[in-house]
Amino acid sequence: MRELSNKRFYLILALSLIFTWLAVLDNTPPLVAFGTIASPMVIGYFLITWREFPGIILASVVWGIMMLLANFLAGSLSEQVVRTVILKMSNAIVGVLAFITFEKLVRKRVQ
């Protein structure tokens, strides 16, 4: 388990609030903006610091669920949105698996 860094947490919190504020300025309801921008960023940070490997996958799943929720609340949930979310989540999982495989290969060569 990694130690939580206060500076990193405050940076993530500040960025999430800035992005939420920008979404509210773009006429997104504040509750929807907070639930779909700030929450996934903070939850993702805690998931990744909790356990790096499953945390990255779980963070992308949280992002996907929040993206579906945002489109559902806006009334614009379509088949294309669902396909996009599934594609991005699967790309994140493949990227994490490739990174872990590459890291294991590098460790074997170093030893």
Protein backbone atom coordinates (compact mmCIF):
# COMPACT_ATOMS: atom_id res chain seq x y z
CA MET A 1 0.00 0.00 0.00
CA ARG A 2 1.36 3.38 -0.96
CA GLU A 3 1.48 6.33 1.35
CA LEU A 4 -0.90 9.13 0.45
CA SER A 5 0.87 12.35 -0.40
CA ASN A 6 -0.92 15.48 0.76
CA LYS A 7 0.55 17.57 -2.07
CA ARG A 8 -0.64 15.12 -4.72
CA PHE A 9 -4.08 14.85 -3.17
CA TYR A 10 -4.49 18.62 -3.05
CA LEU A 11 -3.31 18.88 -6.66
CA ILE A 12 -5.86 16.27 -7.78
CA LEU A 13 -8.57 17.97 -5.73
CA ALA A 14 -7.72 21.40 -7.20
CA LEU A 15 -7.67 20.07 -10.76
CA SER A 16 -10.96 18.26 -10.31
CA LEU A 17 -12.61 21.38 -8.92
CA ILE A 18 -11.21 23.53 -11.75
CA PHE A 19 -12.54 21.09 -14.36
CA THR A 20 -15.89 20.96 -12.53
CA TRP A 21 -16.04 24.75 -12.48
CA LEU A 22 -15.30 24.87 -16.23
CA ALA A 23 -18.11 22.38 -16.86
CA VAL A 24 -20.51 24.48 -14.77
CA LEU A 25 -19.54 27.55 -16.81
CA ASP A 26 -20.47 25.51 -19.89
CA ASN A 27 -24.05 25.23 -18.53
CA THR A 28 -23.71 21.78 -16.96
CA PRO A 29 -25.76 21.45 -13.76
CA PRO A 30 -23.39 21.66 -10.75
CA LEU A 31 -24.44 18.32 -9.25
CA VAL A 32 -23.94 16.52 -12.56
CA ALA A 33 -20.57 18.22 -13.08
CA PHE A 34 -19.39 17.33 -9.58
CA GLY A 35 -20.61 13.75 -9.85
CA THR A 36 -19.07 13.12 -13.24
CA ILE A 37 -15.82 15.10 -13.07
CA ALA A 38 -14.61 15.70 -9.51
CA SER A 39 -15.79 12.42 -8.01
CA PRO A 40 -14.12 10.07 -10.54
CA MET A 41 -10.83 11.98 -10.29
CA VAL A 42 -10.71 11.78 -6.50
CA ILE A 43 -11.99 8.19 -6.38
CA GLY A 44 -9.47 7.20 -9.06
CA TYR A 45 -6.64 8.77 -7.07
CA PHE A 46 -7.56 6.77 -3.98
CA LEU A 47 -7.98 3.55 -5.97
CA ILE A 48 -4.57 3.92 -7.59
CA THR A 49 -2.84 4.74 -4.31
CA TRP A 50 -4.63 1.82 -2.64
CA ARG A 51 -3.36 -0.81 -5.08
CA GLU A 52 -1.62 0.28 -8.24
CA PHE A 53 -2.57 -2.53 -10.63
CA PRO A 54 -6.25 -3.10 -9.83
CA GLY A 55 -6.59 0.57 -8.95
CA ILE A 56 -5.84 1.71 -12.49
CA ILE A 57 -8.43 -0.67 -13.91
CA LEU A 58 -11.00 0.24 -11.26
CA ALA A 59 -10.37 3.95 -11.87
CA SER A 60 -11.14 3.50 -15.57
CA VAL A 61 -14.29 1.57 -14.66
CA VAL A 62 -15.39 4.40 -12.33
CA TRP A 63 -14.71 6.88 -15.13
CA GLY A 64 -16.80 4.79 -17.55
CA ILE A 65 -19.71 4.51 -15.12
CA MET A 66 -19.65 8.25 -14.48
CA MET A 67 -19.54 8.97 -18.23
CA LEU A 68 -22.59 6.75 -18.76
CA LEU A 69 -24.31 8.45 -15.81
CA ALA A 70 -23.59 11.92 -17.20
CA ASN A 71 -25.06 11.06 -20.58
CA PHE A 72 -28.04 9.35 -18.96
CA LEU A 73 -28.76 12.39 -16.78
CA ALA A 74 -28.39 14.70 -19.77
CA GLY A 75 -30.80 12.51 -21.75
CA SER A 76 -28.26 11.82 -24.49
CA LEU A 77 -27.34 8.22 -23.74
CA SER A 78 -27.01 6.44 -27.06
CA GLU A 79 -25.49 3.30 -28.46
CA GLN A 80 -22.51 5.34 -29.68
CA VAL A 81 -21.79 6.62 -26.15
CA VAL A 82 -21.93 3.08 -24.76
CA ARG A 83 -19.55 1.85 -27.48
CA THR A 84 -17.13 4.71 -26.79
CA VAL A 85 -17.08 4.02 -23.05
CA ILE A 86 -16.53 0.28 -23.59
CA LEU A 87 -13.74 0.97 -26.09
CA LYS A 88 -11.94 3.43 -23.80
CA MET A 89 -12.25 1.14 -20.77
CA SER A 90 -10.92 -1.84 -22.72
CA ASN A 91 -8.04 0.27 -24.06
CA ALA A 92 -7.13 1.27 -20.50
CA ILE A 93 -7.13 -2.38 -19.40
CA VAL A 94 -4.99 -3.46 -22.37
CA GLY A 95 -2.59 -0.59 -21.69
CA VAL A 96 -2.20 -1.57 -18.05
CA LEU A 97 -1.60 -5.21 -18.95
CA ALA A 98 1.00 -4.21 -21.56
CA PHE A 99 2.75 -1.98 -19.02
CA ILE A 100 2.87 -4.75 -16.42
CA THR A 101 4.18 -7.26 -18.98
CA PHE A 102 6.87 -4.82 -20.11
CA GLU A 103 7.83 -4.11 -16.49
CA LYS A 104 8.22 -7.84 -15.76
CA LEU A 105 10.40 -8.30 -18.85
CA VAL A 106 12.64 -5.41 -17.80
CA ARG A 107 12.97 -6.81 -14.28
CA LYS A 108 14.03 -10.22 -15.66
CA ARG A 109 16.70 -8.61 -17.84
CA VAL A 110 18.07 -6.55 -14.96
CA GLN A 111 18.40 -9.61 -12.73
